[in-house]
Amino acid sequence: MTPMALPVALYAAQQVRALDAYAIEQLEVPGYTLMKRAGEAALRVLRTRWPTAHRLVIVCGGGNNGGDGYVLARFAQAAGLTVSVLAGTAPEGLRGDARQAHADFLASSGRVEPFTPEALSEGGLIVDALFGTGLTSAVRAEPAAIIRAMNAAAVPRFALDIPSGLNADSGVPLGEAVRADATVTFVGLKTGLFIGDGPEYSGAVYFDDLGVPVPEEAHFAPRLERITESDVLRALPRRPRAAHKGDFGRVLVIGGGPGMPGAIRLAGEASLRVGAGLVTVALAPENVAAVIAGRPELMCLSLTDASVLAPAIERADVIAIGPGLGRTAWAEQLLKTVLDADKPLVVDADALNLIAEHGARARENWILTPHPGEAARLLGVGTEEVQHDRLAALDALLERYHGTIVLKGAGTLVGTRSRTPGLCERGNPGMASAGMGDVLTGAVAGVLAQCHDPTLAARAAVMVHAMAGDAVARGGERGLLAGDVARELHGCVNL
């Protein structure tokens, strides 16, 4: 039996614990039965992922996560694997189902030894069953030393439910955390495996619901949803044969201040590459020639002053502002003109910085696309605070600015006040390069011009942007250029 496909819904740790309680109390599934199902699921994943690993070292803690480890040890031993179990916590302190799992392992001729770093080298795979999702404070000195020893061992590491030491909600390590090569998680996907530093510590994520359905109740509404290709398909359905360019929207991109033609060209090209019908870039006069020479499909509007924008704003279905805009009086006047027009907006880069500096009323028909530094300025906090709890930062941005928020970074978040936020798992470190945000801005505006749904457009554009980055990175992450990603968008919007 192969491991289950990952579901879309991601849950807070408290919600998953409530699901456990629901299964035990309402469905009358004994807690030890769930623990045995977890052990069976872990063994399936282990045999699939590491088929030649015949010697396991399982490090068990003092709670139910340790109980999962003892169950796995018994099942693995029965399957013919050689198993060494190391107690990270004295087994005498075990309670409930974990105590039963330990007793059953001993009754099946199993042996439990106190933890020593040297014993980790006896196996071909280390299984982490030290802490589960209940850990919320910094790891104490003794278990921190165990975690460091596991991380230092020159063998793969497999975590049960969540890597020990990782916050199950924020994805932030609580002092020390196991760096797993793979994690199998149970009942519901935990947000901490996918946001913050979670992906760095969890490795490949596998899932088993242990036969526990999620009831249709408000308090079980997911905290996040994984953005998938289905979002792209909904936003960009197949075109009718008789279509013409006017059917796919008119985008106006405003920016390109003196000496900065590159950003607006990248944004304009990205809008075209995702399928916008007509794209006009409005920019400083000195940059017009450079943009036309590099991308003749773009229409250019020379911005001698803000007054020349009126006809272009009237024609536009979507306006994007920010790429290469700068923070001059010229830029401030352009932003004010655009905000007064009350058209659907995509706001990025220096337009966000100007809003952070001068303020703007909250509105529903805009999409803000800040990176963590810009988000921090919009909220009046430090970048570290944004990164420490990205979901909380997203909530705060929505509360203050409304509309749709795209909080960029590793694990980009897309939120609106009316639906569950989305998380993009795609993308790679090679995309940390100049101009990448400008490409995303153009992609969001181009998709919005076609689907007219800000949240769906943001989710779909974030997805195709990340997919394009991953496609380019197949040739290597280092040296990846924003222009490479812009060119690759064409293939990603034609799934």
Foldseek 3Di string as FASTA:
>chain_A
DAFDDAAFFAAAPVLLVVLLVCCCPVVVDPNLLLLLLLLVNLVRVCCVVPVPWQEEEEEAAAESLSLSSLSNQQVSVVVPGHYAYEYLYPLVNHDDSSVVSNVVSVVSVHDYHHDDLVVRQVTQEYEYSHDAQPDDAADDDSVLVVQVSQQPDPHAYEYEQAWPQAHQAFLDGRNGTHQHLAYEHELGHGNNCFAFCNCRRHHHYTYDNSPRDQDPDPVSHGQATAQDCVLLCQLFPDDDPPDALVLQFEEEEEAAEPPFLPLQLLLQLLLVLLPRSAYEYEYAPVNVVVSCVVPVRYHYHHPPAQVVCVVVLVRGQEYEYAGNHDDDPRSVRNLVVNLVSPHQYEYEHVSLVVCLVPNDQADARYEYEYELCSLCSNQVHDSVVCSSHVSVSLVSCCVGRAHWYFHDDQFIWIDHPPDRIYTYNAADPLCPDPNLVSSLSSQLRSSCRNRVDNRSSNSNSVRLLRVLRVVQCVVPSHPDDNVSSSNSSNVSSVD
